[in-house]
Amino acid sequence: MKVLLIGATGTIGSAVYRLISPRHEVMTAGRSEGDVRVDITSTDSITAMYESVGKVDAVISTPGASFFGPLAELTPERNEIAIESKLKGQINIVLLGIPYMRERGSFTLTTGITMDDPVKGGASAAMACGAVSAFVKAASLDMPDGIRINHVSPGLLEESKDKYSAFFPGFEPVPGTRVAQAYLKSLEGAQTGQTYRVY
């Protein structure tokens, strides 16, 4: 399959790339690195990415920024980070990508543990993840041409624990290699509308 992997150099994206690249033709996209450049907060940039890559059999989206910090410091402007990136960015990857998706292709988006197991400072991320999850479930009923859509919800990654463990006390980290398996399941499996939790 020809797979477009967005965010391929990130912590999750690089683990996914290592797993799927021996099995498929992988085109990478990122803000500053990759076969093509993309800013997922810009619809023009997303469209230009698809125009450059052409028809694909699958799209995997792993990026998505959000503000982590006390609710008292979550201003409307800081909340927009998650709305524009993790939420709207990923949804626009789907909406703008459907014309470039081959029949019976698939989209795999990324959410996170905060939508199920909230932590202090994670309200904005939880909002965006929960909204993406609801979109995936509902959109799966309407996807044309047998296209599937799922999302992976990772827990605290082993590779990121030094950076984020203060926000996740008592959470057991999961290795990126295990998280990557969920993306492979979405990519090569037959399910749609699913949440693949890796906690």
N, C-alpha and C. Protein backbone atom coordinates (compact mmCIF):
# COMPACT_ATOMS: atom_id res chain seq x y z
N MET A 1 0.83 -1.20 0.00
CA MET A 1 0.00 0.00 0.00
C MET A 1 0.87 1.26 0.00
N LYS A 2 0.33 2.31 -0.58
CA LYS A 2 0.97 3.61 -0.51
C LYS A 2 0.37 4.35 0.68
N VAL A 3 1.21 4.62 1.69
CA VAL A 3 0.76 5.19 2.95
C VAL A 3 1.36 6.57 3.14
N LEU A 4 0.52 7.55 3.46
CA LEU A 4 0.99 8.88 3.81
C LEU A 4 1.03 8.97 5.33
N LEU A 5 2.24 9.12 5.88
CA LEU A 5 2.44 9.18 7.32
C LEU A 5 2.78 10.62 7.70
N ILE A 6 1.85 11.27 8.39
CA ILE A 6 2.02 12.67 8.78
C ILE A 6 2.57 12.70 10.20
N GLY A 7 3.68 13.44 10.38
CA GLY A 7 4.34 13.47 11.69
C GLY A 7 5.31 12.32 11.87
N ALA A 8 5.94 11.91 10.79
CA ALA A 8 6.77 10.69 10.80
C ALA A 8 8.02 10.81 11.65
N THR A 9 8.45 12.03 11.98
CA THR A 9 9.68 12.17 12.76
C THR A 9 9.41 12.40 14.24
N GLY A 10 8.14 12.45 14.64
CA GLY A 10 7.80 12.60 16.04
C GLY A 10 8.01 11.29 16.79
N THR A 11 7.76 11.33 18.09
CA THR A 11 7.99 10.15 18.92
C THR A 11 7.12 8.98 18.45
N ILE A 12 5.84 9.22 18.28
CA ILE A 12 4.95 8.16 17.81
C ILE A 12 5.19 7.88 16.34
N GLY A 13 5.27 8.93 15.55
CA GLY A 13 5.43 8.76 14.11
C GLY A 13 6.65 7.97 13.72
N SER A 14 7.76 8.18 14.42
CA SER A 14 8.99 7.46 14.08
C SER A 14 8.85 5.98 14.41
N ALA A 15 8.13 5.65 15.51
CA ALA A 15 7.90 4.24 15.84
C ALA A 15 7.00 3.58 14.80
N VAL A 16 6.00 4.33 14.35
CA VAL A 16 5.11 3.80 13.31
C VAL A 16 5.88 3.60 12.01
N TYR A 17 6.73 4.56 11.67
CA TYR A 17 7.52 4.45 10.43
C TYR A 17 8.41 3.21 10.45
N ARG A 18 9.08 2.97 11.57
CA ARG A 18 9.97 1.81 11.65
C ARG A 18 9.20 0.50 11.46
N LEU A 19 7.97 0.48 11.93
CA LEU A 19 7.17 -0.75 11.83
C LEU A 19 6.59 -0.97 10.45
N ILE A 20 6.07 0.09 9.83
CA ILE A 20 5.33 -0.11 8.57
C ILE A 20 6.17 0.06 7.31
N SER A 21 7.32 0.76 7.41
CA SER A 21 8.09 1.05 6.19
C SER A 21 8.63 -0.21 5.50
N PRO A 22 8.96 -1.28 6.23
CA PRO A 22 9.37 -2.49 5.50
C PRO A 22 8.22 -3.20 4.80
N ARG A 23 6.99 -2.84 5.16
CA ARG A 23 5.81 -3.54 4.65
C ARG A 23 5.07 -2.78 3.56
N HIS A 24 5.28 -1.45 3.51
CA HIS A 24 4.51 -0.60 2.61
C HIS A 24 5.37 0.52 2.04
N GLU A 25 4.88 1.15 0.98
CA GLU A 25 5.50 2.36 0.44
C GLU A 25 5.03 3.53 1.29
N VAL A 26 5.93 4.14 2.04
CA VAL A 26 5.55 5.19 2.99
C VAL A 26 6.06 6.54 2.52
N MET A 27 5.14 7.48 2.35
CA MET A 27 5.46 8.87 2.08
C MET A 27 5.35 9.62 3.40
N THR A 28 6.38 10.37 3.77
CA THR A 28 6.38 11.08 5.05
C THR A 28 6.07 12.56 4.86
N ALA A 29 5.36 13.12 5.83
CA ALA A 29 5.02 14.54 5.80
C ALA A 29 5.22 15.13 7.18
N GLY A 30 5.74 16.35 7.23
CA GLY A 30 5.95 17.01 8.51
C GLY A 30 6.13 18.50 8.31
N ARG A 31 6.11 19.21 9.43
CA ARG A 31 6.24 20.67 9.36
C ARG A 31 7.63 21.08 8.86
N SER A 32 8.67 20.37 9.30
CA SER A 32 10.02 20.77 8.92
C SER A 32 10.83 19.66 8.26
N GLU A 33 10.32 18.42 8.30
CA GLU A 33 11.02 17.29 7.70
C GLU A 33 10.03 16.39 6.98
N GLY A 34 10.56 15.57 6.05
CA GLY A 34 9.72 14.60 5.37
C GLY A 34 9.79 14.74 3.86
N ASP A 35 9.14 13.82 3.18
CA ASP A 35 9.07 13.87 1.72
C ASP A 35 8.31 15.10 1.26
N VAL A 36 7.30 15.51 2.03
CA VAL A 36 6.55 16.74 1.76
C VAL A 36 6.39 17.50 3.06
N ARG A 37 6.22 18.80 2.97
CA ARG A 37 6.02 19.65 4.15
C ARG A 37 4.52 19.92 4.32
N VAL A 38 4.09 19.99 5.57
CA VAL A 38 2.69 20.31 5.84
C VAL A 38 2.55 20.98 7.19
N ASP A 39 1.70 21.98 7.23
CA ASP A 39 1.26 22.61 8.47
C ASP A 39 -0.21 22.23 8.62
N ILE A 40 -0.53 21.34 9.57
CA ILE A 40 -1.89 20.82 9.64
C ILE A 40 -2.89 21.86 10.15
N THR A 41 -2.41 23.02 10.60
CA THR A 41 -3.34 24.08 10.98
C THR A 41 -3.78 24.91 9.77
N SER A 42 -3.25 24.62 8.61
CA SER A 42 -3.57 25.36 7.38
C SER A 42 -4.22 24.45 6.36
N THR A 43 -5.45 24.77 5.96
CA THR A 43 -6.12 23.96 4.95
C THR A 43 -5.39 24.04 3.61
N ASP A 44 -4.82 25.20 3.29
CA ASP A 44 -4.07 25.33 2.05
C ASP A 44 -2.86 24.40 2.05
N SER A 45 -2.19 24.31 3.19
CA SER A 45 -1.01 23.45 3.30
C SER A 45 -1.39 21.98 3.19
N ILE A 46 -2.50 21.59 3.82
CA ILE A 46 -2.96 20.20 3.72
C ILE A 46 -3.30 19.85 2.29
N THR A 47 -4.01 20.75 1.60
CA THR A 47 -4.37 20.50 0.20
C THR A 47 -3.12 20.39 -0.67
N ALA A 48 -2.14 21.26 -0.43
CA ALA A 48 -0.90 21.21 -1.21
C ALA A 48 -0.16 19.89 -0.97
N MET A 49 -0.21 19.39 0.26
CA MET A 49 0.41 18.10 0.56
C MET A 49 -0.22 17.00 -0.27
N TYR A 50 -1.54 16.95 -0.28
CA TYR A 50 -2.23 15.90 -1.04
C TYR A 50 -1.97 16.04 -2.54
N GLU A 51 -1.94 17.26 -3.03
CA GLU A 51 -1.65 17.48 -4.45
C GLU A 51 -0.26 16.95 -4.80
N SER A 52 0.68 17.12 -3.88
CA SER A 52 2.04 16.67 -4.12
C SER A 52 2.15 15.15 -4.07
N VAL A 53 1.45 14.53 -3.14
CA VAL A 53 1.55 13.08 -2.94
C VAL A 53 0.68 12.29 -3.91
N GLY A 54 -0.50 12.83 -4.23
CA GLY A 54 -1.42 12.13 -5.13
C GLY A 54 -2.23 11.07 -4.39
N LYS A 55 -2.79 10.14 -5.14
CA LYS A 55 -3.67 9.12 -4.57
C LYS A 55 -2.90 8.22 -3.60
N VAL A 56 -3.56 7.89 -2.49
CA VAL A 56 -2.96 7.03 -1.48
C VAL A 56 -3.94 5.94 -1.06
N ASP A 57 -3.41 4.90 -0.43
CA ASP A 57 -4.23 3.83 0.11
C ASP A 57 -4.55 4.03 1.58
N ALA A 58 -3.76 4.86 2.25
CA ALA A 58 -3.98 5.09 3.68
C ALA A 58 -3.28 6.37 4.11
N VAL A 59 -3.87 7.01 5.12
CA VAL A 59 -3.26 8.18 5.75
C VAL A 59 -3.21 7.92 7.26
N ILE A 60 -2.04 8.12 7.84
CA ILE A 60 -1.87 8.02 9.28
C ILE A 60 -1.43 9.38 9.80
N SER A 61 -2.18 9.92 10.76
CA SER A 61 -1.86 11.23 11.33
C SER A 61 -1.42 11.06 12.78
N THR A 62 -0.18 11.45 13.08
CA THR A 62 0.31 11.33 14.45
C THR A 62 0.58 12.66 15.16
N PRO A 63 0.60 13.83 14.46
CA PRO A 63 0.89 15.06 15.18
C PRO A 63 -0.35 15.64 15.85
N GLY A 64 -0.15 16.73 16.56
CA GLY A 64 -1.26 17.41 17.20
C GLY A 64 -0.81 18.05 18.49
N ALA A 65 -0.67 19.36 18.48
CA ALA A 65 -0.18 20.09 19.65
C ALA A 65 -1.34 20.46 20.57
N SER A 66 -1.02 20.65 21.85
CA SER A 66 -2.01 21.15 22.81
C SER A 66 -1.29 21.75 24.00
N PHE A 67 -1.98 22.66 24.70
CA PHE A 67 -1.42 23.30 25.89
C PHE A 67 -1.62 22.39 27.09
N PHE A 68 -0.55 22.17 27.85
CA PHE A 68 -0.63 21.46 29.13
C PHE A 68 -0.29 22.43 30.24
N GLY A 69 -1.20 22.58 31.19
CA GLY A 69 -0.96 23.48 32.30
C GLY A 69 -2.23 23.70 33.09
N PRO A 70 -2.15 24.42 34.22
CA PRO A 70 -3.31 24.63 35.08
C PRO A 70 -4.47 25.30 34.34
N LEU A 71 -5.69 24.93 34.72
CA LEU A 71 -6.87 25.50 34.07
C LEU A 71 -6.89 27.02 34.18
N ALA A 72 -6.39 27.55 35.30
CA ALA A 72 -6.35 29.00 35.48
C ALA A 72 -5.47 29.69 34.44
N GLU A 73 -4.55 28.91 33.83
CA GLU A 73 -3.67 29.48 32.81
C GLU A 73 -4.11 29.13 31.39
N LEU A 74 -5.24 28.39 31.29
CA LEU A 74 -5.75 28.01 29.98
C LEU A 74 -6.61 29.14 29.42
N THR A 75 -5.97 30.04 28.72
CA THR A 75 -6.68 31.15 28.10
C THR A 75 -7.34 30.67 26.80
N PRO A 76 -8.31 31.42 26.27
CA PRO A 76 -8.88 31.06 24.98
C PRO A 76 -7.81 30.90 23.89
N GLU A 77 -6.79 31.74 23.96
CA GLU A 77 -5.73 31.67 22.95
C GLU A 77 -4.93 30.37 23.09
N ARG A 78 -4.62 29.98 24.31
CA ARG A 78 -3.89 28.73 24.52
C ARG A 78 -4.76 27.52 24.17
N ASN A 79 -6.04 27.62 24.40
CA ASN A 79 -6.94 26.53 24.04
C ASN A 79 -7.00 26.34 22.53
N GLU A 80 -6.83 27.42 21.80
CA GLU A 80 -6.86 27.35 20.34
C GLU A 80 -5.74 26.46 19.78
N ILE A 81 -4.66 26.29 20.53
CA ILE A 81 -3.56 25.45 20.06
C ILE A 81 -4.08 24.05 19.75
N ALA A 82 -4.80 23.46 20.70
CA ALA A 82 -5.35 22.12 20.51
C ALA A 82 -6.48 22.11 19.48
N ILE A 83 -7.30 23.15 19.50
CA ILE A 83 -8.41 23.22 18.55
C ILE A 83 -7.89 23.27 17.12
N GLU A 84 -6.92 24.12 16.86
CA GLU A 84 -6.41 24.30 15.50
C GLU A 84 -5.56 23.12 15.04
N SER A 85 -4.85 22.48 15.95
CA SER A 85 -3.91 21.42 15.58
C SER A 85 -4.52 20.04 15.75
N LYS A 86 -4.64 19.58 16.99
CA LYS A 86 -5.07 18.20 17.26
C LYS A 86 -6.49 17.94 16.78
N LEU A 87 -7.37 18.94 16.92
CA LEU A 87 -8.77 18.75 16.55
C LEU A 87 -9.03 19.10 15.07
N LYS A 88 -9.03 20.37 14.75
CA LYS A 88 -9.35 20.77 13.37
C LYS A 88 -8.32 20.27 12.38
N GLY A 89 -7.05 20.28 12.77
CA GLY A 89 -6.01 19.83 11.85
C GLY A 89 -6.25 18.40 11.40
N GLN A 90 -6.52 17.52 12.35
CA GLN A 90 -6.72 16.11 12.00
C GLN A 90 -8.03 15.89 11.25
N ILE A 91 -9.08 16.60 11.65
CA ILE A 91 -10.35 16.47 10.92
C ILE A 91 -10.20 16.97 9.49
N ASN A 92 -9.47 18.06 9.29
CA ASN A 92 -9.26 18.57 7.94
C ASN A 92 -8.40 17.63 7.11
N ILE A 93 -7.49 16.89 7.76
CA ILE A 93 -6.73 15.87 7.04
C ILE A 93 -7.68 14.85 6.42
N VAL A 94 -8.74 14.52 7.13
CA VAL A 94 -9.75 13.59 6.61
C VAL A 94 -10.61 14.25 5.54
N LEU A 95 -11.20 15.40 5.87
CA LEU A 95 -12.13 16.04 4.95
C LEU A 95 -11.48 16.38 3.61
N LEU A 96 -10.26 16.89 3.67
CA LEU A 96 -9.56 17.27 2.44
C LEU A 96 -8.90 16.08 1.77
N GLY A 97 -8.74 14.98 2.52
CA GLY A 97 -8.05 13.81 1.98
C GLY A 97 -8.93 12.81 1.29
N ILE A 98 -10.24 12.86 1.53
CA ILE A 98 -11.15 11.86 0.93
C ILE A 98 -11.01 11.77 -0.59
N PRO A 99 -10.92 12.91 -1.31
CA PRO A 99 -10.79 12.80 -2.77
C PRO A 99 -9.49 12.13 -3.23
N TYR A 100 -8.50 12.07 -2.35
CA TYR A 100 -7.21 11.49 -2.71
C TYR A 100 -7.06 10.04 -2.21
N MET A 101 -8.09 9.56 -1.52
CA MET A 101 -8.05 8.22 -0.94
C MET A 101 -8.61 7.20 -1.93
N ARG A 102 -7.85 6.15 -2.15
CA ARG A 102 -8.32 5.09 -3.03
C ARG A 102 -9.45 4.31 -2.36
N GLU A 103 -10.21 3.60 -3.18
CA GLU A 103 -11.32 2.81 -2.68
C GLU A 103 -10.84 1.84 -1.60
N ARG A 104 -11.63 1.75 -0.53
CA ARG A 104 -11.35 0.87 0.61
C ARG A 104 -10.05 1.24 1.33
N GLY A 105 -9.68 2.51 1.24
CA GLY A 105 -8.51 3.00 1.97
C GLY A 105 -8.84 3.25 3.44
N SER A 106 -7.91 3.89 4.15
CA SER A 106 -8.17 4.13 5.58
C SER A 106 -7.47 5.38 6.08
N PHE A 107 -8.11 6.01 7.05
CA PHE A 107 -7.51 7.09 7.83
C PHE A 107 -7.31 6.59 9.26
N THR A 108 -6.17 6.91 9.85
CA THR A 108 -5.92 6.63 11.27
C THR A 108 -5.46 7.92 11.92
N LEU A 109 -6.22 8.40 12.90
CA LEU A 109 -5.90 9.63 13.60
C LEU A 109 -5.34 9.30 14.99
N THR A 110 -4.91 10.33 15.71
CA THR A 110 -4.30 10.12 17.03
C THR A 110 -5.00 10.97 18.07
N THR A 111 -5.36 10.33 19.19
CA THR A 111 -5.95 11.04 20.31
C THR A 111 -5.03 10.85 21.52
N GLY A 112 -5.56 10.41 22.67
CA GLY A 112 -4.69 10.21 23.82
C GLY A 112 -5.45 9.88 25.07
N ILE A 113 -4.73 9.42 26.05
CA ILE A 113 -5.30 8.90 27.29
C ILE A 113 -6.09 9.94 28.08
N THR A 114 -5.79 11.23 27.89
CA THR A 114 -6.45 12.27 28.70
C THR A 114 -7.95 12.30 28.49
N MET A 115 -8.45 11.81 27.38
CA MET A 115 -9.91 11.83 27.15
C MET A 115 -10.62 10.79 28.01
N ASP A 116 -9.91 9.75 28.44
CA ASP A 116 -10.50 8.69 29.26
C ASP A 116 -10.07 8.77 30.72
N ASP A 117 -8.87 9.21 30.95
CA ASP A 117 -8.27 9.19 32.29
C ASP A 117 -7.66 10.56 32.54
N PRO A 118 -8.49 11.56 32.90
CA PRO A 118 -8.03 12.95 32.96
C PRO A 118 -6.95 13.18 34.00
N VAL A 119 -6.12 14.17 33.70
CA VAL A 119 -5.07 14.58 34.62
C VAL A 119 -5.12 16.09 34.77
N LYS A 120 -4.58 16.59 35.88
CA LYS A 120 -4.49 18.03 36.07
C LYS A 120 -3.64 18.64 34.95
N GLY A 121 -4.13 19.72 34.41
CA GLY A 121 -3.39 20.40 33.34
C GLY A 121 -3.70 19.87 31.96
N GLY A 122 -4.56 18.86 31.88
CA GLY A 122 -4.82 18.23 30.58
C GLY A 122 -6.18 18.53 29.98
N ALA A 123 -6.87 19.56 30.46
CA ALA A 123 -8.24 19.82 29.99
C ALA A 123 -8.30 20.11 28.50
N SER A 124 -7.37 20.89 28.00
CA SER A 124 -7.41 21.26 26.58
C SER A 124 -7.14 20.05 25.70
N ALA A 125 -6.16 19.24 26.07
CA ALA A 125 -5.86 18.03 25.31
C ALA A 125 -7.03 17.06 25.36
N ALA A 126 -7.66 16.91 26.54
CA ALA A 126 -8.80 16.01 26.68
C ALA A 126 -9.96 16.45 25.79
N MET A 127 -10.20 17.76 25.74
CA MET A 127 -11.26 18.31 24.88
C MET A 127 -11.05 17.93 23.42
N ALA A 128 -9.83 18.14 22.94
CA ALA A 128 -9.53 17.87 21.54
C ALA A 128 -9.60 16.38 21.24
N CYS A 129 -9.03 15.56 22.12
CA CYS A 129 -9.03 14.12 21.91
C CYS A 129 -10.45 13.56 21.91
N GLY A 130 -11.26 14.01 22.86
CA GLY A 130 -12.64 13.55 22.92
C GLY A 130 -13.43 13.92 21.68
N ALA A 131 -13.20 15.11 21.17
CA ALA A 131 -13.89 15.55 19.96
C ALA A 131 -13.47 14.74 18.74
N VAL A 132 -12.18 14.46 18.62
CA VAL A 132 -11.70 13.63 17.51
C VAL A 132 -12.30 12.24 17.60
N SER A 133 -12.36 11.69 18.80
CA SER A 133 -12.94 10.36 18.99
C SER A 133 -14.39 10.33 18.53
N ALA A 134 -15.17 11.33 18.91
CA ALA A 134 -16.58 11.40 18.50
C ALA A 134 -16.70 11.55 16.99
N PHE A 135 -15.82 12.35 16.40
CA PHE A 135 -15.84 12.52 14.94
C PHE A 135 -15.58 11.21 14.24
N VAL A 136 -14.58 10.47 14.69
CA VAL A 136 -14.22 9.19 14.06
C VAL A 136 -15.41 8.23 14.11
N LYS A 137 -16.04 8.13 15.27
CA LYS A 137 -17.16 7.20 15.43
C LYS A 137 -18.30 7.55 14.48
N ALA A 138 -18.64 8.84 14.40
CA ALA A 138 -19.74 9.27 13.54
C ALA A 138 -19.36 9.25 12.06
N ALA A 139 -18.16 9.69 11.74
CA ALA A 139 -17.73 9.75 10.34
C ALA A 139 -17.64 8.37 9.72
N SER A 140 -17.35 7.35 10.53
CA SER A 140 -17.23 5.99 9.99
C SER A 140 -18.53 5.53 9.34
N LEU A 141 -19.65 6.10 9.74
CA LEU A 141 -20.95 5.72 9.18
C LEU A 141 -21.18 6.33 7.80
N ASP A 142 -20.43 7.39 7.50
CA ASP A 142 -20.67 8.16 6.28
C ASP A 142 -19.54 8.12 5.27
N MET A 143 -18.47 7.41 5.56
CA MET A 143 -17.31 7.43 4.66
C MET A 143 -17.67 6.78 3.32
N PRO A 144 -17.30 7.41 2.23
CA PRO A 144 -17.62 6.86 0.90
C PRO A 144 -16.63 5.77 0.47
N ASP A 145 -17.01 5.00 -0.53
CA ASP A 145 -16.11 4.07 -1.22
C ASP A 145 -15.45 3.06 -0.30
N GLY A 146 -16.13 2.69 0.78
CA GLY A 146 -15.58 1.68 1.68
C GLY A 146 -14.38 2.15 2.48
N ILE A 147 -14.17 3.46 2.56
CA ILE A 147 -13.03 4.00 3.31
C ILE A 147 -13.27 3.81 4.81
N ARG A 148 -12.24 3.37 5.51
CA ARG A 148 -12.32 3.17 6.95
C ARG A 148 -11.67 4.34 7.69
N ILE A 149 -12.09 4.52 8.96
CA ILE A 149 -11.46 5.54 9.80
C ILE A 149 -11.44 5.06 11.24
N ASN A 150 -10.28 5.16 11.87
CA ASN A 150 -10.08 4.77 13.27
C ASN A 150 -9.17 5.80 13.94
N HIS A 151 -9.03 5.67 15.26
CA HIS A 151 -8.01 6.49 15.92
C HIS A 151 -7.33 5.67 17.01
N VAL A 152 -6.07 6.01 17.24
CA VAL A 152 -5.27 5.37 18.27
C VAL A 152 -5.15 6.34 19.45
N SER A 153 -5.39 5.83 20.65
CA SER A 153 -5.30 6.64 21.85
C SER A 153 -4.16 6.10 22.73
N PRO A 154 -2.96 6.68 22.60
CA PRO A 154 -1.83 6.19 23.38
C PRO A 154 -1.83 6.73 24.80
N GLY A 155 -1.22 5.97 25.69
CA GLY A 155 -0.97 6.46 27.04
C GLY A 155 0.33 7.24 27.08
N LEU A 156 0.87 7.41 28.27
CA LEU A 156 2.17 8.06 28.43
C LEU A 156 3.23 7.18 27.80
N LEU A 157 3.95 7.71 26.83
CA LEU A 157 4.97 6.92 26.14
C LEU A 157 6.24 6.81 26.97
N GLU A 158 6.83 5.65 26.92
CA GLU A 158 8.11 5.41 27.58
C GLU A 158 9.14 6.45 27.13
N GLU A 159 9.12 6.75 25.84
CA GLU A 159 10.11 7.66 25.26
C GLU A 159 9.87 9.12 25.68
N SER A 160 8.67 9.42 26.18
CA SER A 160 8.34 10.80 26.55
C SER A 160 8.17 11.00 28.05
N LYS A 161 8.45 9.96 28.83
CA LYS A 161 8.13 10.05 30.26
C LYS A 161 8.93 11.13 30.99
N ASP A 162 10.18 11.38 30.56
CA ASP A 162 10.97 12.41 31.22
C ASP A 162 10.35 13.79 31.05
N LYS A 163 9.70 14.00 29.91
CA LYS A 163 9.10 15.30 29.59
C LYS A 163 7.72 15.46 30.23
N TYR A 164 6.95 14.37 30.28
CA TYR A 164 5.54 14.49 30.67
C TYR A 164 5.15 13.76 31.95
N SER A 165 6.07 13.04 32.58
CA SER A 165 5.69 12.22 33.73
C SER A 165 5.13 13.04 34.89
N ALA A 166 5.54 14.30 35.00
CA ALA A 166 5.02 15.14 36.07
C ALA A 166 3.51 15.34 35.95
N PHE A 167 2.99 15.29 34.71
CA PHE A 167 1.56 15.43 34.50
C PHE A 167 0.81 14.11 34.70
N PHE A 168 1.54 12.99 34.73
CA PHE A 168 0.91 11.67 34.76
C PHE A 168 1.44 10.82 35.92
N PRO A 169 1.26 11.29 37.16
CA PRO A 169 1.76 10.51 38.30
C PRO A 169 1.01 9.18 38.41
N GLY A 170 1.77 8.10 38.58
CA GLY A 170 1.16 6.79 38.76
C GLY A 170 0.76 6.10 37.47
N PHE A 171 0.99 6.73 36.32
CA PHE A 171 0.67 6.11 35.04
C PHE A 171 1.84 5.25 34.59
N GLU A 172 1.55 4.06 34.13
CA GLU A 172 2.61 3.18 33.65
C GLU A 172 2.92 3.50 32.19
N PRO A 173 4.14 3.89 31.87
CA PRO A 173 4.47 4.23 30.49
C PRO A 173 4.37 3.02 29.57
N VAL A 174 4.03 3.29 28.31
CA VAL A 174 3.96 2.23 27.30
C VAL A 174 5.02 2.50 26.24
N PRO A 175 5.70 1.46 25.76
CA PRO A 175 6.75 1.68 24.75
C PRO A 175 6.16 2.05 23.39
N GLY A 176 6.88 2.86 22.66
CA GLY A 176 6.44 3.27 21.33
C GLY A 176 6.21 2.10 20.40
N THR A 177 7.00 1.03 20.58
CA THR A 177 6.82 -0.14 19.71
C THR A 177 5.44 -0.77 19.89
N ARG A 178 4.94 -0.74 21.13
CA ARG A 178 3.60 -1.28 21.38
C ARG A 178 2.52 -0.37 20.80
N VAL A 179 2.71 0.93 20.95
CA VAL A 179 1.76 1.89 20.39
C VAL A 179 1.69 1.74 18.87
N ALA A 180 2.85 1.56 18.24
CA ALA A 180 2.89 1.44 16.78
C ALA A 180 2.05 0.27 16.28
N GLN A 181 1.96 -0.79 17.06
CA GLN A 181 1.17 -1.96 16.65
C GLN A 181 -0.29 -1.60 16.44
N ALA A 182 -0.81 -0.65 17.22
CA ALA A 182 -2.20 -0.24 17.07
C ALA A 182 -2.43 0.45 15.72
N TYR A 183 -1.44 1.21 15.27
CA TYR A 183 -1.55 1.84 13.95
C TYR A 183 -1.51 0.79 12.84
N LEU A 184 -0.69 -0.23 13.03
CA LEU A 184 -0.64 -1.32 12.06
C LEU A 184 -1.98 -2.05 12.01
N LYS A 185 -2.59 -2.25 13.17
CA LYS A 185 -3.90 -2.90 13.23
C LYS A 185 -4.93 -2.09 12.45
N SER A 186 -4.91 -0.78 12.62
CA SER A 186 -5.85 0.09 11.89
C SER A 186 -5.55 0.07 10.39
N LEU A 187 -4.26 0.09 10.06
CA LEU A 187 -3.85 0.15 8.66
C LEU A 187 -4.19 -1.11 7.89
N GLU A 188 -3.87 -2.26 8.45
CA GLU A 188 -4.01 -3.52 7.71
C GLU A 188 -5.26 -4.32 8.09
N GLY A 189 -5.97 -3.87 9.12
CA GLY A 189 -7.16 -4.59 9.55
C GLY A 189 -8.40 -4.20 8.75
N ALA A 190 -9.55 -4.61 9.26
CA ALA A 190 -10.82 -4.38 8.56
C ALA A 190 -11.79 -3.53 9.36
N GLN A 191 -11.44 -3.16 10.59
CA GLN A 191 -12.37 -2.44 11.44
C GLN A 191 -12.45 -0.97 11.08
N THR A 192 -13.58 -0.35 11.46
CA THR A 192 -13.75 1.09 11.25
C THR A 192 -14.54 1.68 12.42
N GLY A 193 -14.32 2.97 12.65
CA GLY A 193 -15.00 3.65 13.73
C GLY A 193 -14.49 3.28 15.10
N GLN A 194 -13.28 2.71 15.17
CA GLN A 194 -12.75 2.15 16.41
C GLN A 194 -11.79 3.09 17.13
N THR A 195 -11.74 2.90 18.45
CA THR A 195 -10.72 3.52 19.30
C THR A 195 -9.76 2.43 19.74
N TYR A 196 -8.49 2.56 19.37
CA TYR A 196 -7.49 1.59 19.80
C TYR A 196 -6.71 2.20 20.96
N ARG A 197 -7.07 1.78 22.17
CA ARG A 197 -6.43 2.32 23.38
C ARG A 197 -5.18 1.51 23.69
N VAL A 198 -4.08 2.21 23.93
CA VAL A 198 -2.82 1.56 24.29
C VAL A 198 -2.34 2.20 25.59
N TYR A 199 -2.88 1.70 26.72
CA TYR A 199 -2.60 2.28 28.04
C TYR A 199 -1.86 1.29 28.91
